[in-house]
Amino acid sequence: MSNNFFEHVEKVTNMKLEDLFQLTNSVAYENLHTEESIRELIAQLSVVANVEICKETEDQIIDAIMNNKLPLDAESLIKMLGKK
């Protein structure tokens, strides 16, 4: 992949690529079956991305994950998170 792609990812996420990869690897091992573990993951993401996530959005994310309603495409996910 080109450097432009990775630069774009860093710009859009406000995260260094290394941090994003580290976070992605840690998510693979997380237990996302409990509300508590999902809230902890959201808190970690918020800190790494330097983005404050309101309680309402956090609750929507938890509901989507726990009920397998998480959008699979980026545009729907961005809309869900209120970024568009």
N, C-alpha and C. Protein backbone atom coordinates (compact mmCIF):
# COMPACT_ATOMS: atom_id res chain seq x y z
N MET A 1 0.84 -1.19 0.00
CA MET A 1 0.00 0.00 0.00
C MET A 1 0.88 1.24 0.00
N SER A 2 0.34 2.30 -0.53
CA SER A 2 1.13 3.51 -0.65
C SER A 2 1.19 4.27 0.67
N ASN A 3 2.20 5.11 0.80
CA ASN A 3 2.34 5.95 1.99
C ASN A 3 1.19 6.93 2.10
N ASN A 4 0.61 7.34 0.96
CA ASN A 4 -0.52 8.26 0.99
C ASN A 4 -1.70 7.67 1.74
N PHE A 5 -1.92 6.37 1.55
CA PHE A 5 -3.01 5.70 2.25
C PHE A 5 -2.80 5.77 3.76
N PHE A 6 -1.60 5.43 4.21
CA PHE A 6 -1.31 5.43 5.63
C PHE A 6 -1.34 6.84 6.21
N GLU A 7 -0.87 7.81 5.44
CA GLU A 7 -0.94 9.20 5.89
C GLU A 7 -2.40 9.63 6.04
N HIS A 8 -3.25 9.20 5.11
CA HIS A 8 -4.68 9.52 5.18
C HIS A 8 -5.31 8.89 6.42
N VAL A 9 -4.98 7.64 6.70
CA VAL A 9 -5.51 6.96 7.89
C VAL A 9 -5.10 7.72 9.15
N GLU A 10 -3.84 8.13 9.24
CA GLU A 10 -3.37 8.88 10.40
C GLU A 10 -4.12 10.20 10.54
N LYS A 11 -4.34 10.87 9.43
CA LYS A 11 -5.04 12.16 9.45
C LYS A 11 -6.50 11.99 9.89
N VAL A 12 -7.17 11.01 9.33
CA VAL A 12 -8.59 10.79 9.64
C VAL A 12 -8.79 10.36 11.08
N THR A 13 -7.90 9.51 11.59
CA THR A 13 -8.08 8.97 12.93
C THR A 13 -7.43 9.79 14.03
N ASN A 14 -6.58 10.75 13.65
CA ASN A 14 -5.80 11.51 14.63
C ASN A 14 -4.92 10.59 15.46
N MET A 15 -4.48 9.50 14.87
CA MET A 15 -3.65 8.53 15.57
C MET A 15 -2.43 8.20 14.73
N LYS A 16 -1.31 7.96 15.40
CA LYS A 16 -0.13 7.47 14.69
C LYS A 16 -0.41 6.03 14.28
N LEU A 17 0.10 5.65 13.15
CA LEU A 17 -0.14 4.32 12.61
C LEU A 17 0.30 3.23 13.59
N GLU A 18 1.44 3.45 14.26
CA GLU A 18 1.93 2.47 15.22
C GLU A 18 0.92 2.27 16.36
N ASP A 19 0.33 3.37 16.84
CA ASP A 19 -0.67 3.28 17.90
C ASP A 19 -1.91 2.55 17.42
N LEU A 20 -2.29 2.83 16.19
CA LEU A 20 -3.47 2.18 15.62
C LEU A 20 -3.27 0.67 15.49
N PHE A 21 -2.07 0.26 15.03
CA PHE A 21 -1.77 -1.17 14.92
C PHE A 21 -1.74 -1.83 16.30
N GLN A 22 -1.14 -1.16 17.26
CA GLN A 22 -1.08 -1.71 18.61
C GLN A 22 -2.49 -1.88 19.19
N LEU A 23 -3.32 -0.88 18.99
CA LEU A 23 -4.70 -0.95 19.47
C LEU A 23 -5.47 -2.06 18.77
N THR A 24 -5.28 -2.17 17.48
CA THR A 24 -5.96 -3.22 16.71
C THR A 24 -5.56 -4.60 17.21
N ASN A 25 -4.29 -4.79 17.48
CA ASN A 25 -3.83 -6.08 17.99
C ASN A 25 -4.41 -6.37 19.37
N SER A 26 -4.54 -5.36 20.22
CA SER A 26 -5.08 -5.59 21.55
C SER A 26 -6.56 -5.91 21.50
N VAL A 27 -7.28 -5.34 20.55
CA VAL A 27 -8.72 -5.61 20.42
C VAL A 27 -8.96 -7.06 20.08
N ALA A 28 -8.07 -7.64 19.30
CA ALA A 28 -8.24 -9.04 18.90
C ALA A 28 -8.28 -9.96 20.12
N TYR A 29 -7.66 -9.53 21.21
CA TYR A 29 -7.61 -10.37 22.40
C TYR A 29 -8.61 -9.94 23.48
N GLU A 30 -9.33 -8.87 23.23
CA GLU A 30 -10.28 -8.38 24.22
C GLU A 30 -11.53 -9.27 24.24
N ASN A 31 -12.14 -9.36 25.41
CA ASN A 31 -13.41 -10.04 25.55
C ASN A 31 -14.50 -8.98 25.40
N LEU A 32 -15.16 -8.98 24.26
CA LEU A 32 -16.17 -7.96 23.99
C LEU A 32 -17.58 -8.49 24.24
N HIS A 33 -17.69 -9.34 25.24
CA HIS A 33 -19.00 -9.92 25.55
C HIS A 33 -19.64 -9.29 26.77
N THR A 34 -18.92 -8.43 27.47
CA THR A 34 -19.50 -7.77 28.63
C THR A 34 -19.47 -6.27 28.44
N GLU A 35 -20.47 -5.61 28.98
CA GLU A 35 -20.56 -4.16 28.88
C GLU A 35 -19.33 -3.49 29.48
N GLU A 36 -18.87 -4.01 30.59
CA GLU A 36 -17.71 -3.44 31.27
C GLU A 36 -16.46 -3.48 30.39
N SER A 37 -16.20 -4.62 29.74
CA SER A 37 -15.01 -4.72 28.90
C SER A 37 -15.12 -3.81 27.68
N ILE A 38 -16.31 -3.64 27.14
CA ILE A 38 -16.50 -2.75 26.00
C ILE A 38 -16.29 -1.30 26.43
N ARG A 39 -16.80 -0.93 27.60
CA ARG A 39 -16.59 0.44 28.10
C ARG A 39 -15.10 0.72 28.30
N GLU A 40 -14.37 -0.27 28.81
CA GLU A 40 -12.92 -0.11 29.00
C GLU A 40 -12.23 0.10 27.66
N LEU A 41 -12.62 -0.67 26.64
CA LEU A 41 -12.03 -0.53 25.32
C LEU A 41 -12.35 0.84 24.73
N ILE A 42 -13.57 1.30 24.88
CA ILE A 42 -13.96 2.62 24.39
C ILE A 42 -13.14 3.70 25.07
N ALA A 43 -12.92 3.56 26.36
CA ALA A 43 -12.10 4.53 27.09
C ALA A 43 -10.68 4.55 26.55
N GLN A 44 -10.12 3.38 26.28
CA GLN A 44 -8.77 3.30 25.72
C GLN A 44 -8.71 3.96 24.34
N LEU A 45 -9.68 3.67 23.51
CA LEU A 45 -9.74 4.27 22.18
C LEU A 45 -9.85 5.78 22.27
N SER A 46 -10.64 6.24 23.19
CA SER A 46 -10.84 7.68 23.37
C SER A 46 -9.53 8.37 23.72
N VAL A 47 -8.76 7.75 24.61
CA VAL A 47 -7.48 8.33 25.03
C VAL A 47 -6.48 8.32 23.87
N VAL A 48 -6.36 7.18 23.21
CA VAL A 48 -5.40 7.05 22.12
C VAL A 48 -5.73 8.00 20.97
N ALA A 49 -7.00 8.13 20.65
CA ALA A 49 -7.42 8.99 19.54
C ALA A 49 -7.58 10.44 19.96
N ASN A 50 -7.48 10.69 21.28
CA ASN A 50 -7.64 12.05 21.80
C ASN A 50 -9.00 12.63 21.40
N VAL A 51 -10.03 11.79 21.56
CA VAL A 51 -11.39 12.18 21.21
C VAL A 51 -12.29 11.87 22.41
N GLU A 52 -13.08 12.86 22.80
CA GLU A 52 -14.02 12.64 23.90
C GLU A 52 -15.29 12.00 23.34
N ILE A 53 -15.71 10.92 23.97
CA ILE A 53 -16.91 10.21 23.54
C ILE A 53 -17.98 10.41 24.60
N CYS A 54 -19.10 10.99 24.18
CA CYS A 54 -20.17 11.27 25.14
C CYS A 54 -20.85 9.97 25.56
N LYS A 55 -21.55 10.01 26.67
CA LYS A 55 -22.22 8.83 27.24
C LYS A 55 -23.22 8.24 26.25
N GLU A 56 -23.96 9.08 25.54
CA GLU A 56 -24.95 8.61 24.59
C GLU A 56 -24.30 7.81 23.45
N THR A 57 -23.21 8.32 22.91
CA THR A 57 -22.50 7.62 21.85
C THR A 57 -21.89 6.32 22.37
N GLU A 58 -21.33 6.39 23.57
CA GLU A 58 -20.77 5.18 24.18
C GLU A 58 -21.85 4.11 24.33
N ASP A 59 -23.02 4.49 24.79
CA ASP A 59 -24.12 3.53 24.93
C ASP A 59 -24.54 2.94 23.58
N GLN A 60 -24.54 3.78 22.53
CA GLN A 60 -24.89 3.30 21.19
C GLN A 60 -23.86 2.28 20.69
N ILE A 61 -22.60 2.56 20.94
CA ILE A 61 -21.53 1.65 20.52
C ILE A 61 -21.67 0.32 21.25
N ILE A 62 -21.90 0.38 22.56
CA ILE A 62 -22.05 -0.84 23.35
C ILE A 62 -23.24 -1.66 22.86
N ASP A 63 -24.36 -0.99 22.61
CA ASP A 63 -25.55 -1.69 22.11
C ASP A 63 -25.25 -2.35 20.77
N ALA A 64 -24.57 -1.63 19.89
CA ALA A 64 -24.27 -2.17 18.57
C ALA A 64 -23.35 -3.39 18.66
N ILE A 65 -22.35 -3.32 19.51
CA ILE A 65 -21.43 -4.45 19.66
C ILE A 65 -22.12 -5.65 20.29
N MET A 66 -22.84 -5.42 21.36
CA MET A 66 -23.45 -6.53 22.10
C MET A 66 -24.59 -7.19 21.32
N ASN A 67 -25.20 -6.45 20.40
CA ASN A 67 -26.33 -7.00 19.63
C ASN A 67 -25.98 -7.23 18.16
N ASN A 68 -24.67 -7.29 17.89
CA ASN A 68 -24.19 -7.54 16.52
C ASN A 68 -24.81 -6.60 15.50
N LYS A 69 -24.92 -5.33 15.85
CA LYS A 69 -25.50 -4.33 14.96
C LYS A 69 -24.45 -3.31 14.51
N LEU A 70 -23.19 -3.62 14.73
CA LEU A 70 -22.13 -2.69 14.37
C LEU A 70 -22.03 -2.62 12.85
N PRO A 71 -22.10 -1.40 12.29
CA PRO A 71 -22.02 -1.27 10.83
C PRO A 71 -20.70 -1.81 10.31
N LEU A 72 -20.75 -2.46 9.17
CA LEU A 72 -19.54 -3.04 8.60
C LEU A 72 -18.84 -2.10 7.63
N ASP A 73 -19.54 -1.08 7.16
CA ASP A 73 -18.88 -0.14 6.25
C ASP A 73 -18.53 1.15 6.98
N ALA A 74 -17.46 1.77 6.54
CA ALA A 74 -16.92 2.95 7.21
C ALA A 74 -17.92 4.11 7.24
N GLU A 75 -18.65 4.33 6.16
CA GLU A 75 -19.58 5.46 6.11
C GLU A 75 -20.67 5.33 7.17
N SER A 76 -21.24 4.15 7.32
CA SER A 76 -22.28 3.94 8.34
C SER A 76 -21.71 4.08 9.74
N LEU A 77 -20.49 3.60 9.94
CA LEU A 77 -19.85 3.71 11.24
C LEU A 77 -19.59 5.17 11.59
N ILE A 78 -19.13 5.94 10.63
CA ILE A 78 -18.88 7.36 10.85
C ILE A 78 -20.18 8.08 11.19
N LYS A 79 -21.26 7.76 10.48
CA LYS A 79 -22.56 8.37 10.77
C LYS A 79 -23.01 8.02 12.18
N MET A 80 -22.83 6.76 12.57
CA MET A 80 -23.21 6.31 13.91
C MET A 80 -22.46 7.09 14.98
N LEU A 81 -21.20 7.37 14.72
CA LEU A 81 -20.37 8.08 15.68
C LEU A 81 -20.56 9.59 15.61
N GLY A 82 -21.40 10.04 14.69
CA GLY A 82 -21.71 11.46 14.60
C GLY A 82 -20.62 12.31 14.00
N LYS A 83 -19.79 11.72 13.16
CA LYS A 83 -18.67 12.45 12.56
C LYS A 83 -19.03 13.06 11.22
N LYS A 84 -20.24 12.85 10.74
CA LYS A 84 -20.61 13.36 9.42
C LYS A 84 -21.79 14.27 9.53
